[in-house]
Amino acid sequence: MYSSEIGKDAYGNFARLARRFYSIGEELFDLKEKLKREEANLETIKGEIEKPFAKEEELALLLKKQEELNARLTEEKETEQEGREGEENTSKRHR
């Protein structure tokens, strides 16, 4: 919605309406240009989305390495826990 101040002077009213009318045209032009830029950006982004992930092989390798490290840590924790339990059982027998 567009609005403009209306006064008592007819010439002033006409001048204000004329300026507002021309400013609407400028706004429309600016918005159309912005729309063109945004559509171009959208096409660029669509192209980027379609590309394969450049570091996919490296990611897979690192994830596999992480799994191996996690497995080793879990194994070490279990071994450590078993060692503590064994020590507790041994010390209970010697009491």
N, C-alpha and C. Protein backbone atom coordinates (compact mmCIF):
# COMPACT_ATOMS: atom_id res chain seq x y z
N MET A 1 0.85 -1.17 0.00
CA MET A 1 0.00 0.00 0.00
C MET A 1 0.89 1.22 0.00
N TYR A 2 0.57 2.16 -0.81
CA TYR A 2 1.31 3.40 -0.92
C TYR A 2 0.47 4.54 -0.39
N SER A 3 1.14 5.51 0.21
CA SER A 3 0.41 6.66 0.74
C SER A 3 1.21 7.92 0.49
N SER A 4 0.53 9.05 0.58
CA SER A 4 1.18 10.35 0.43
C SER A 4 0.38 11.36 1.23
N GLU A 5 1.06 12.36 1.74
CA GLU A 5 0.39 13.41 2.50
C GLU A 5 -0.45 14.27 1.55
N ILE A 6 -1.61 14.65 1.99
CA ILE A 6 -2.48 15.53 1.22
C ILE A 6 -2.65 16.82 2.01
N GLY A 7 -2.40 17.92 1.33
CA GLY A 7 -2.53 19.23 1.97
C GLY A 7 -3.65 20.03 1.32
N LYS A 8 -3.67 21.34 1.60
CA LYS A 8 -4.72 22.20 1.07
C LYS A 8 -4.37 22.76 -0.31
N ASP A 9 -3.09 22.77 -0.65
CA ASP A 9 -2.65 23.33 -1.93
C ASP A 9 -2.72 22.26 -3.01
N ALA A 10 -3.50 22.47 -4.03
CA ALA A 10 -3.69 21.49 -5.11
C ALA A 10 -2.39 21.25 -5.85
N TYR A 11 -1.61 22.31 -6.14
CA TYR A 11 -0.35 22.14 -6.84
C TYR A 11 0.61 21.30 -5.99
N GLY A 12 0.68 21.57 -4.70
CA GLY A 12 1.54 20.79 -3.80
C GLY A 12 1.11 19.34 -3.75
N ASN A 13 -0.19 19.10 -3.71
CA ASN A 13 -0.70 17.73 -3.72
C ASN A 13 -0.31 17.00 -4.99
N PHE A 14 -0.47 17.71 -6.12
CA PHE A 14 -0.11 17.11 -7.40
C PHE A 14 1.38 16.78 -7.44
N ALA A 15 2.20 17.69 -6.97
CA ALA A 15 3.66 17.47 -6.97
C ALA A 15 4.02 16.28 -6.08
N ARG A 16 3.42 16.18 -4.91
CA ARG A 16 3.69 15.05 -4.01
C ARG A 16 3.27 13.72 -4.65
N LEU A 17 2.09 13.73 -5.25
CA LEU A 17 1.62 12.50 -5.91
C LEU A 17 2.51 12.12 -7.09
N ALA A 18 2.96 13.09 -7.85
CA ALA A 18 3.85 12.82 -8.98
C ALA A 18 5.17 12.23 -8.49
N ARG A 19 5.75 12.83 -7.43
CA ARG A 19 7.01 12.29 -6.88
C ARG A 19 6.80 10.86 -6.39
N ARG A 20 5.67 10.64 -5.73
CA ARG A 20 5.39 9.28 -5.22
C ARG A 20 5.21 8.30 -6.36
N PHE A 21 4.53 8.73 -7.41
CA PHE A 21 4.32 7.88 -8.57
C PHE A 21 5.65 7.47 -9.19
N TYR A 22 6.57 8.43 -9.37
CA TYR A 22 7.87 8.12 -9.97
C TYR A 22 8.73 7.27 -9.02
N SER A 23 8.58 7.48 -7.72
CA SER A 23 9.36 6.68 -6.78
C SER A 23 8.90 5.22 -6.80
N ILE A 24 7.62 5.00 -7.07
CA ILE A 24 7.13 3.61 -7.18
C ILE A 24 7.82 2.91 -8.34
N GLY A 25 7.98 3.61 -9.45
CA GLY A 25 8.68 3.03 -10.60
C GLY A 25 10.12 2.69 -10.26
N GLU A 26 10.80 3.57 -9.53
CA GLU A 26 12.18 3.31 -9.12
C GLU A 26 12.25 2.10 -8.18
N GLU A 27 11.32 2.03 -7.23
CA GLU A 27 11.28 0.90 -6.31
C GLU A 27 11.05 -0.40 -7.07
N LEU A 28 10.15 -0.36 -8.03
CA LEU A 28 9.87 -1.55 -8.83
C LEU A 28 11.11 -1.99 -9.58
N PHE A 29 11.83 -1.05 -10.18
CA PHE A 29 13.06 -1.37 -10.90
C PHE A 29 14.08 -2.00 -9.95
N ASP A 30 14.27 -1.38 -8.78
CA ASP A 30 15.23 -1.90 -7.80
C ASP A 30 14.85 -3.32 -7.35
N LEU A 31 13.57 -3.54 -7.13
CA LEU A 31 13.11 -4.86 -6.69
C LEU A 31 13.30 -5.91 -7.79
N LYS A 32 13.07 -5.52 -9.04
CA LYS A 32 13.29 -6.46 -10.14
C LYS A 32 14.76 -6.82 -10.26
N GLU A 33 15.64 -5.84 -10.07
CA GLU A 33 17.08 -6.11 -10.11
C GLU A 33 17.49 -7.03 -8.97
N LYS A 34 16.95 -6.77 -7.80
CA LYS A 34 17.25 -7.63 -6.64
C LYS A 34 16.76 -9.05 -6.90
N LEU A 35 15.59 -9.19 -7.49
CA LEU A 35 15.05 -10.50 -7.81
C LEU A 35 15.95 -11.24 -8.79
N LYS A 36 16.47 -10.54 -9.80
CA LYS A 36 17.39 -11.17 -10.75
C LYS A 36 18.64 -11.68 -10.05
N ARG A 37 19.19 -10.85 -9.15
CA ARG A 37 20.40 -11.27 -8.41
C ARG A 37 20.11 -12.49 -7.54
N GLU A 38 18.97 -12.48 -6.87
CA GLU A 38 18.63 -13.61 -5.99
C GLU A 38 18.38 -14.89 -6.79
N GLU A 39 17.76 -14.75 -7.96
CA GLU A 39 17.55 -15.93 -8.81
C GLU A 39 18.87 -16.49 -9.30
N ALA A 40 19.82 -15.60 -9.65
CA ALA A 40 21.15 -16.05 -10.06
C ALA A 40 21.85 -16.75 -8.90
N ASN A 41 21.74 -16.19 -7.70
CA ASN A 41 22.33 -16.83 -6.51
C ASN A 41 21.72 -18.20 -6.27
N LEU A 42 20.41 -18.31 -6.45
CA LEU A 42 19.72 -19.58 -6.26
C LEU A 42 20.26 -20.63 -7.24
N GLU A 43 20.45 -20.24 -8.50
CA GLU A 43 20.98 -21.19 -9.48
C GLU A 43 22.40 -21.62 -9.11
N THR A 44 23.19 -20.68 -8.63
CA THR A 44 24.56 -21.02 -8.21
C THR A 44 24.53 -22.02 -7.06
N ILE A 45 23.66 -21.77 -6.10
CA ILE A 45 23.55 -22.66 -4.94
C ILE A 45 23.05 -24.04 -5.36
N LYS A 46 22.08 -24.08 -6.27
CA LYS A 46 21.60 -25.38 -6.76
C LYS A 46 22.74 -26.17 -7.39
N GLY A 47 23.59 -25.49 -8.15
CA GLY A 47 24.75 -26.16 -8.76
C GLY A 47 25.71 -26.69 -7.72
N GLU A 48 25.92 -25.93 -6.65
CA GLU A 48 26.82 -26.37 -5.58
C GLU A 48 26.26 -27.59 -4.85
N ILE A 49 24.96 -27.62 -4.67
CA ILE A 49 24.33 -28.74 -3.97
C ILE A 49 24.48 -30.03 -4.76
N GLU A 50 24.45 -29.94 -6.06
CA GLU A 50 24.54 -31.13 -6.92
C GLU A 50 25.95 -31.71 -6.96
N LYS A 51 26.96 -30.90 -6.62
CA LYS A 51 28.34 -31.38 -6.67
C LYS A 51 28.57 -32.40 -5.56
N PRO A 52 29.40 -33.42 -5.83
CA PRO A 52 29.73 -34.36 -4.76
C PRO A 52 30.61 -33.67 -3.72
N PHE A 53 30.55 -34.20 -2.50
CA PHE A 53 31.36 -33.65 -1.41
C PHE A 53 32.82 -33.90 -1.72
N ALA A 54 33.61 -32.84 -1.82
CA ALA A 54 35.01 -32.93 -2.26
C ALA A 54 35.88 -33.75 -1.31
N LYS A 55 35.55 -33.77 -0.05
CA LYS A 55 36.38 -34.46 0.94
C LYS A 55 35.75 -35.76 1.42
N GLU A 56 34.89 -36.35 0.59
CA GLU A 56 34.15 -37.54 1.01
C GLU A 56 35.07 -38.71 1.35
N GLU A 57 36.08 -38.95 0.52
CA GLU A 57 37.00 -40.07 0.79
C GLU A 57 37.78 -39.83 2.08
N GLU A 58 38.24 -38.60 2.25
CA GLU A 58 38.99 -38.27 3.47
C GLU A 58 38.10 -38.43 4.70
N LEU A 59 36.85 -37.99 4.60
CA LEU A 59 35.92 -38.14 5.71
C LEU A 59 35.70 -39.61 6.05
N ALA A 60 35.49 -40.43 5.04
CA ALA A 60 35.27 -41.86 5.29
C ALA A 60 36.49 -42.48 5.98
N LEU A 61 37.69 -42.11 5.53
CA LEU A 61 38.91 -42.64 6.13
C LEU A 61 39.03 -42.20 7.59
N LEU A 62 38.76 -40.94 7.85
CA LEU A 62 38.85 -40.44 9.23
C LEU A 62 37.79 -41.06 10.14
N LEU A 63 36.58 -41.27 9.61
CA LEU A 63 35.54 -41.92 10.41
C LEU A 63 35.92 -43.35 10.75
N LYS A 64 36.53 -44.05 9.78
CA LYS A 64 36.98 -45.42 10.05
C LYS A 64 38.07 -45.43 11.12
N LYS A 65 38.97 -44.47 11.03
CA LYS A 65 40.04 -44.36 12.02
C LYS A 65 39.45 -44.05 13.40
N GLN A 66 38.44 -43.20 13.44
CA GLN A 66 37.79 -42.88 14.71
C GLN A 66 37.13 -44.13 15.30
N GLU A 67 36.48 -44.91 14.48
CA GLU A 67 35.86 -46.16 14.96
C GLU A 67 36.90 -47.08 15.57
N GLU A 68 38.05 -47.21 14.89
CA GLU A 68 39.12 -48.07 15.38
C GLU A 68 39.64 -47.57 16.73
N LEU A 69 39.83 -46.25 16.82
CA LEU A 69 40.32 -45.68 18.08
C LEU A 69 39.30 -45.87 19.20
N ASN A 70 38.04 -45.67 18.89
CA ASN A 70 37.00 -45.88 19.90
C ASN A 70 36.96 -47.33 20.36
N ALA A 71 37.13 -48.26 19.43
CA ALA A 71 37.14 -49.67 19.79
C ALA A 71 38.32 -49.98 20.70
N ARG A 72 39.49 -49.42 20.37
CA ARG A 72 40.67 -49.66 21.20
C ARG A 72 40.48 -49.06 22.59
N LEU A 73 39.90 -47.86 22.65
CA LEU A 73 39.66 -47.24 23.96
C LEU A 73 38.69 -48.06 24.79
N THR A 74 37.65 -48.55 24.16
CA THR A 74 36.67 -49.38 24.86
C THR A 74 37.34 -50.65 25.37
N GLU A 75 38.17 -51.24 24.52
CA GLU A 75 38.89 -52.46 24.91
C GLU A 75 39.82 -52.18 26.08
N GLU A 76 40.54 -51.07 26.03
CA GLU A 76 41.45 -50.71 27.12
C GLU A 76 40.69 -50.48 28.42
N LYS A 77 39.55 -49.79 28.34
CA LYS A 77 38.74 -49.55 29.54
C LYS A 77 38.25 -50.86 30.14
N GLU A 78 37.81 -51.77 29.27
CA GLU A 78 37.33 -53.06 29.75
C GLU A 78 38.46 -53.84 30.41
N THR A 79 39.64 -53.83 29.81
CA THR A 79 40.80 -54.52 30.36
C THR A 79 41.19 -53.91 31.70
N GLU A 80 41.17 -52.59 31.74
CA GLU A 80 41.50 -51.89 32.99
C GLU A 80 40.48 -52.22 34.08
N GLN A 81 39.21 -52.25 33.72
CA GLN A 81 38.15 -52.58 34.68
C GLN A 81 38.32 -54.01 35.18
N GLU A 82 38.62 -54.94 34.26
CA GLU A 82 38.83 -56.34 34.66
C GLU A 82 40.02 -56.44 35.61
N GLY A 83 41.07 -55.65 35.34
CA GLY A 83 42.26 -55.65 36.20
C GLY A 83 41.92 -55.18 37.60
N ARG A 84 41.11 -54.13 37.70
CA ARG A 84 40.71 -53.62 39.01
C ARG A 84 39.87 -54.64 39.76
N GLU A 85 38.96 -55.26 39.04
CA GLU A 85 38.09 -56.27 39.68
C GLU A 85 38.93 -57.44 40.17
N GLY A 86 39.91 -57.82 39.37
CA GLY A 86 40.80 -58.93 39.78
C GLY A 86 41.59 -58.57 41.02
N GLU A 87 42.09 -57.33 41.08
CA GLU A 87 42.84 -56.87 42.25
C GLU A 87 41.95 -56.85 43.49
N GLU A 88 40.70 -56.41 43.32
CA GLU A 88 39.78 -56.37 44.45
C GLU A 88 39.51 -57.78 44.97
N ASN A 89 39.32 -58.72 44.06
CA ASN A 89 39.06 -60.11 44.48
C ASN A 89 40.27 -60.70 45.18
N THR A 90 41.46 -60.40 44.67
CA THR A 90 42.68 -60.91 45.29
C THR A 90 42.87 -60.33 46.68
N SER A 91 42.63 -59.02 46.82
CA SER A 91 42.82 -58.41 48.13
C SER A 91 41.77 -58.90 49.12
N LYS A 92 40.57 -59.25 48.69
CA LYS A 92 39.53 -59.76 49.58
C LYS A 92 39.92 -61.14 50.08
N ARG A 93 40.56 -61.96 49.23
CA ARG A 93 40.96 -63.30 49.64
C ARG A 93 42.08 -63.27 50.68
N HIS A 94 42.93 -62.27 50.57
CA HIS A 94 44.10 -62.19 51.49
C HIS A 94 43.72 -61.55 52.82
N ARG A 95 42.56 -61.12 53.01
CA ARG A 95 42.16 -60.47 54.28
C ARG A 95 41.86 -61.46 55.32
